[in-house]
N, C-alpha and C. Protein backbone atom coordinates (compact mmCIF):
# COMPACT_ATOMS: atom_id res chain seq x y z
N MET A 1 -4.44 10.72 7.02
CA MET A 1 -5.01 9.63 6.25
C MET A 1 -4.02 10.57 4.74
N ALA A 2 -3.91 9.54 3.94
CA ALA A 2 -3.35 9.85 2.34
C ALA A 2 -4.07 9.41 1.53
N TRP A 3 -4.06 10.10 0.14
CA TRP A 3 -5.12 9.40 -1.21
C TRP A 3 -3.83 9.12 -2.15
N PHE A 4 -3.88 8.10 -2.70
CA PHE A 4 -2.91 8.17 -3.89
C PHE A 4 -3.60 7.75 -5.01
N GLN A 5 -3.33 8.11 -6.35
CA GLN A 5 -3.90 8.00 -7.67
C GLN A 5 -2.79 6.51 -8.31
N PHE A 6 -1.58 7.07 -8.10
CA PHE A 6 -0.51 6.13 -8.71
C PHE A 6 0.39 5.43 -7.92
N GLY A 7 0.43 5.63 -6.43
CA GLY A 7 1.50 4.59 -5.33
C GLY A 7 2.38 5.69 -5.45
N SER A 8 3.44 5.46 -4.62
CA SER A 8 4.81 6.00 -4.07
C SER A 8 6.01 4.89 -3.57
N PRO A 9 6.97 4.87 -4.42
CA PRO A 9 8.01 3.87 -4.20
C PRO A 9 8.46 4.61 -2.48
N ASP A 10 8.43 5.26 -2.18
CA ASP A 10 8.64 5.79 -0.87
C ASP A 10 7.95 6.60 0.12
N LEU A 11 7.05 5.90 1.02
CA LEU A 11 6.02 6.65 1.75
C LEU A 11 6.60 7.87 2.68
N ARG A 12 8.11 7.91 2.75
CA ARG A 12 8.69 8.85 3.98
C ARG A 12 8.52 10.15 3.34
N GLY A 13 8.34 10.59 1.89
CA GLY A 13 7.91 11.65 1.23
C GLY A 13 6.64 12.10 1.17
N GLN A 14 5.70 11.21 1.95
CA GLN A 14 4.28 11.72 2.10
C GLN A 14 4.30 11.85 3.66
N GLY A 15 5.22 11.52 4.64
CA GLY A 15 4.97 11.37 6.11
C GLY A 15 4.40 10.24 6.43
N MET A 16 4.34 8.88 5.71
CA MET A 16 3.54 8.17 6.04
C MET A 16 4.37 6.87 6.03
N ASP A 17 5.49 6.58 6.44
CA ASP A 17 6.28 5.48 6.25
C ASP A 17 5.92 4.88 7.56
N ASN A 18 5.88 3.61 7.61
CA ASN A 18 5.08 2.52 9.01
C ASN A 18 4.01 3.38 9.79
N ARG A 19 2.99 3.99 8.69
CA ARG A 19 2.08 4.78 9.83
C ARG A 19 0.94 4.42 8.96
N THR A 20 0.91 2.98 8.31
CA THR A 20 -0.40 2.99 7.66
C THR A 20 -1.19 1.73 8.72
N SER A 21 -2.53 2.10 9.00
CA SER A 21 -3.18 0.87 9.88
C SER A 21 -4.40 0.60 9.09
N SER A 22 -4.77 0.92 8.00
CA SER A 22 -6.16 0.68 7.07
C SER A 22 -6.03 1.16 5.91
N TYR A 23 -6.71 0.32 5.23
CA TYR A 23 -7.04 1.14 3.84
C TYR A 23 -8.49 1.20 3.25
N TRP A 24 -8.46 1.70 2.18
CA TRP A 24 -9.94 1.53 1.23
C TRP A 24 -9.33 1.66 -0.04
N ASN A 25 -9.48 0.64 -1.13
CA ASN A 25 -8.84 0.93 -2.34
C ASN A 25 -10.32 1.07 -3.17
N ARG A 26 -10.55 2.50 -3.44
CA ARG A 26 -11.77 2.85 -4.13
C ARG A 26 -11.81 2.50 -5.68
N ILE A 27 -11.15 1.96 -6.20
CA ILE A 27 -10.90 1.65 -7.68
C ILE A 27 -11.67 0.15 -7.90
N ASN A 28 -11.58 -0.36 -8.78
CA ASN A 28 -11.78 -2.01 -9.14
C ASN A 28 -10.52 -2.08 -9.81
N ALA A 29 -9.39 -2.05 -9.27
CA ALA A 29 -8.05 -2.28 -9.83
C ALA A 29 -7.49 -2.88 -8.75
N ASN A 30 -6.55 -3.79 -8.66
CA ASN A 30 -5.91 -4.16 -7.36
C ASN A 30 -4.28 -2.97 -7.31
N ARG A 31 -3.79 -3.18 -5.92
CA ARG A 31 -2.88 -2.21 -5.13
C ARG A 31 -1.80 -3.24 -4.68
N SER A 32 -0.99 -2.91 -4.32
CA SER A 32 0.35 -3.69 -3.52
C SER A 32 0.77 -2.87 -2.60
N LEU A 33 1.01 -3.24 -1.30
CA LEU A 33 1.97 -2.43 -0.40
C LEU A 33 2.91 -3.58 0.02
N TYR A 34 4.42 -2.60 0.17
CA TYR A 34 5.51 -3.12 0.33
C TYR A 34 5.90 -2.82 1.76
N GLY A 35 6.51 -3.85 2.34
CA GLY A 35 7.30 -3.48 3.53
C GLY A 35 8.63 -2.60 3.15
N GLY A 36 9.20 -2.66 2.21
CA GLY A 36 10.49 -1.77 1.88
C GLY A 36 10.22 -0.46 0.83
N PHE A 37 11.05 0.16 1.04
CA PHE A 37 11.10 1.16 -0.31
C PHE A 37 11.34 0.77 -1.64
N ASN A 38 10.86 1.38 -2.42
CA ASN A 38 11.13 1.09 -4.05
C ASN A 38 10.35 -0.64 -4.36
N TYR A 39 9.37 -0.64 -3.68
CA TYR A 39 8.15 -2.06 -4.19
C TYR A 39 9.55 -3.01 -3.39
N GLY A 40 10.01 -3.06 -2.42
CA GLY A 40 11.01 -4.45 -2.05
C GLY A 40 10.54 -4.65 -0.72
N GLY A 41 11.05 -5.98 -0.46
CA GLY A 41 10.40 -6.62 0.71
C GLY A 41 9.06 -7.25 0.47
N GLN A 42 8.52 -7.91 1.94
CA GLN A 42 7.36 -8.45 1.60
C GLN A 42 6.22 -7.60 1.14
N CYS A 43 5.34 -8.50 0.26
CA CYS A 43 3.99 -7.77 -0.42
C CYS A 43 3.11 -8.00 0.05
N PHE A 44 1.80 -7.56 0.12
CA PHE A 44 0.57 -7.43 0.62
C PHE A 44 -0.54 -6.97 -0.37
N SER A 45 -1.11 -7.67 -1.19
CA SER A 45 -1.98 -7.66 -2.24
C SER A 45 -3.38 -6.51 -1.43
N ILE A 46 -3.71 -5.62 -2.13
CA ILE A 46 -5.55 -4.86 -1.81
C ILE A 46 -6.08 -5.21 -3.07
N PHE A 47 -7.12 -5.82 -2.98
CA PHE A 47 -7.85 -6.24 -4.13
C PHE A 47 -8.82 -5.20 -4.34
N GLY A 48 -9.15 -4.69 -5.91
CA GLY A 48 -9.97 -4.03 -5.98
C GLY A 48 -11.34 -3.64 -5.37
N SER A 49 -11.78 -2.47 -4.91
CA SER A 49 -12.95 -1.94 -4.05
C SER A 49 -13.17 -2.89 -2.87
N LEU A 50 -12.06 -3.06 -2.24
CA LEU A 50 -11.99 -3.53 -0.75
C LEU A 50 -11.49 -2.55 0.35
N ARG A 51 -12.07 -2.73 1.50
CA ARG A 51 -11.14 -2.01 2.41
C ARG A 51 -11.17 -2.59 3.59
N GLY A 52 -10.56 -2.07 4.92
CA GLY A 52 -10.52 -2.87 6.26
C GLY A 52 -8.79 -2.45 6.79
N ASN A 53 -8.74 -3.09 7.78
CA ASN A 53 -7.81 -2.90 8.50
C ASN A 53 -6.61 -3.85 8.23
N LEU A 54 -5.27 -3.33 8.81
CA LEU A 54 -4.09 -4.11 8.24
C LEU A 54 -3.60 -4.63 9.62
N SER A 55 -4.26 -5.77 10.13
CA SER A 55 -3.43 -6.44 11.14
C SER A 55 -2.16 -6.73 11.30
N THR A 56 -1.56 -7.82 10.49
CA THR A 56 -0.34 -8.01 10.70
C THR A 56 0.41 -6.89 10.13
N TRP A 57 -0.16 -6.22 9.14
CA TRP A 57 0.44 -5.29 8.45
C TRP A 57 0.69 -3.85 8.93
N ASN A 58 0.02 -3.82 10.25
CA ASN A 58 -0.06 -2.64 10.64
C ASN A 58 1.12 -1.61 11.08
N ASN A 59 1.04 -0.50 10.66
CA ASN A 59 2.58 0.08 10.77
C ASN A 59 3.74 -0.56 9.93
N ARG A 60 3.51 -1.19 9.03
CA ARG A 60 4.69 -1.83 8.16
C ARG A 60 4.88 -1.67 6.82
N VAL A 61 4.25 -0.72 6.19
CA VAL A 61 4.26 -0.19 5.22
C VAL A 61 5.14 0.89 4.59
N SER A 62 6.08 0.68 3.45
CA SER A 62 7.10 1.39 3.19
C SER A 62 6.75 2.33 1.69
N SER A 63 6.13 1.11 0.95
CA SER A 63 5.72 1.85 -0.46
C SER A 63 4.46 1.09 -0.91
N LEU A 64 4.05 1.95 -1.98
CA LEU A 64 2.62 1.46 -2.66
C LEU A 64 2.50 1.60 -3.87
N ARG A 65 2.23 0.37 -4.81
CA ARG A 65 2.14 0.15 -6.01
C ARG A 65 0.94 0.33 -6.83
N ARG A 66 0.80 1.06 -7.80
CA ARG A 66 -0.57 1.16 -8.70
C ARG A 66 -0.95 0.14 -9.21
N PRO A 67 -2.14 0.20 -9.73
CA PRO A 67 -2.67 -1.19 -10.22
C PRO A 67 -1.78 -1.71 -11.75
N GLY A 68 -1.68 -3.07 -11.56
CA GLY A 68 -0.64 -3.44 -12.53
C GLY A 68 0.50 -4.23 -11.79
N GLY A 69 0.84 -3.91 -10.53
CA GLY A 69 1.86 -3.92 -9.67
C GLY A 69 1.57 -5.11 -8.66
N GLU A 70 0.59 -6.09 -8.80
CA GLU A 70 0.18 -6.90 -7.97
C GLU A 70 1.55 -7.86 -7.43
N CYS A 71 1.26 -8.51 -6.32
CA CYS A 71 2.47 -9.31 -5.78
C CYS A 71 2.58 -10.33 -6.10
N ALA A 72 3.62 -10.98 -6.92
CA ALA A 72 4.02 -12.38 -7.44
C ALA A 72 3.47 -13.22 -6.92
């Protein structure tokens, strides 16, 4: 389990690269998960105050962006 206040451009630093199976966004702001480092690759939005499992994104997340970094 990992907790992020601001996000991470490279989840290898936290030992979490490609190891994410679920999420719980405990704030009322959107976050974004990325398949590549430094917010690159495909993007998956997590909307505020939601939690769930990552079915097609299971073990594919390499970076996480804080609020204000929603997918385009």
